Protein backbone atom coordinates (compact mmCIF):
# COMPACT_ATOMS: atom_id res chain seq x y z
CA MET A 1 135.20 43.10 150.19
CA LEU A 2 133.08 43.18 153.32
CA ASP A 3 133.05 40.11 155.50
CA PRO A 4 129.56 39.81 157.07
CA LEU A 5 131.00 37.80 159.95
CA ASP A 6 133.51 40.49 160.89
CA HIS A 7 132.21 42.52 163.82
CA GLY A 8 133.68 45.81 162.59
CA ASP A 9 132.25 45.44 159.09
CA PHE A 10 128.83 44.53 160.46
CA GLN A 11 128.87 47.56 162.76
CA ALA A 12 129.86 49.85 159.89
CA VAL A 13 127.13 48.56 157.57
CA LEU A 14 124.47 48.73 160.28
CA GLY A 15 125.61 52.24 161.20
CA ASP A 16 125.30 53.31 157.56
CA ILE A 17 121.79 51.82 157.33
CA LEU A 18 120.72 53.61 160.48
CA THR A 19 122.21 56.87 159.18
CA LEU A 20 120.11 56.45 156.06
CA LEU A 21 116.97 55.82 158.13
CA ILE A 22 117.66 58.90 160.24
CA ALA A 23 118.16 61.01 157.11
CA LEU A 24 114.92 59.70 155.57
CA GLU A 25 112.97 60.44 158.74
CA PHE A 26 114.49 63.90 158.97
CA ASN A 27 113.58 64.55 155.31
CA HIS A 28 110.01 63.40 155.96
CA THR A 29 109.81 65.70 158.98
CA LEU A 30 111.06 68.68 156.99
CA GLN A 31 108.48 68.03 154.27
CA TYR A 32 105.75 67.90 156.91
CA VAL A 33 106.98 71.16 158.47
CA VAL A 34 106.86 72.91 155.08
CA LYS A 35 103.24 71.82 154.60
CA GLN A 36 101.97 72.37 158.15
CA SER A 37 104.38 74.99 159.57
CA ILE A 38 104.45 72.95 162.77
CA ILE A 39 107.33 70.97 164.22
CA GLN A 40 106.08 68.08 166.30
CA THR A 41 108.11 67.45 169.42
CA LYS A 42 107.52 63.70 169.31
CA VAL A 43 109.11 63.39 165.87
CA VAL A 44 112.18 65.36 166.91
CA LEU A 45 112.55 63.21 170.02
CA LEU A 46 112.24 60.04 167.94
CA ILE A 47 114.92 61.23 165.52
CA ALA A 48 117.20 61.99 168.47
CA LEU A 49 116.54 58.53 169.93
CA LEU A 50 117.33 56.94 166.56
CA ALA A 51 120.60 58.85 166.42
CA LEU A 52 121.50 57.69 169.93
CA ALA A 53 120.60 54.09 169.07
CA ARG A 54 122.95 54.36 166.08
CA LYS A 55 125.66 55.74 168.36
CA PHE A 56 125.30 52.83 170.77
CA ILE A 57 125.44 50.31 167.93
CA ILE A 58 128.61 51.69 166.35
CA LEU A 59 130.27 52.37 169.70
CA ASP A 60 133.53 50.54 170.38
CA LEU A 61 133.35 49.66 174.06
CA HIS A 62 137.12 49.19 174.29
CA GLU A 63 137.78 52.83 173.39
CA VAL A 64 135.00 54.56 175.36
CA SER A 65 135.37 55.75 178.92
CA PRO A 66 132.75 54.76 181.48
CA GLY A 67 131.85 58.42 181.97
CA HIS A 68 131.12 58.84 178.27
CA LEU A 69 128.95 55.73 178.27
CA LEU A 70 127.11 56.91 181.37
CA GLY A 71 126.49 60.28 179.72
CA LEU A 72 125.04 58.64 176.61
CA ALA A 73 122.82 56.45 178.78
CA ALA A 74 121.59 59.48 180.74
CA VAL A 75 120.75 61.38 177.55
CA THR A 76 118.93 58.34 176.19
CA LEU A 77 116.93 58.01 179.40
CA ALA A 78 116.06 61.72 179.40
CA LEU A 79 114.91 61.60 175.76
CA GLY A 80 112.88 58.47 176.45
CA ILE A 81 111.14 60.10 179.40
CA ALA A 82 110.48 63.26 177.38
CA TYR A 83 108.99 61.19 174.56
CA ARG A 84 106.81 59.24 176.97
CA LEU A 85 105.53 62.43 178.62
CA SER A 86 104.76 64.10 175.28
CA ARG A 87 102.96 60.98 174.09
CA GLU A 88 100.85 60.81 177.26
CA ARG A 89 99.99 64.49 176.86
CA ASN A 90 98.86 63.93 173.26
CA ASP A 91 96.84 60.87 174.28
CA ARG A 92 95.06 62.85 177.02
CA ALA A 93 94.32 65.67 174.57
CA ALA A 94 92.91 63.18 172.05
CA ASP A 95 90.73 61.57 174.73
CA ALA A 96 89.43 64.98 175.79
CA ALA A 97 88.62 65.87 172.17
CA GLU A 98 86.70 62.59 171.74
CA GLY A 99 84.76 63.26 174.94
CA GLN A 100 83.65 66.68 173.70
CA GLY A 101 82.84 65.60 170.13
């Protein structure tokens, strides 16, 4: 029986829910790729950010070295910056298309 007040049980359940969300998003992306034959960078970056968020949530801080935590933070920052840049690029392209049309 799971105790909802136990930190470990809560982490495990939340990790499982996030795994399910990541799998559903990945499935949706694959269905879109089959129809369009295009893989959107933003979607891949979002899936990676979801996976990293899951990793941070299920992480046991007592068993992780500071270097490992710093590496995860750096990857998260890099993915966030990449997502932001790709989103700005798409927004500029959409604004240019509206200006011409």
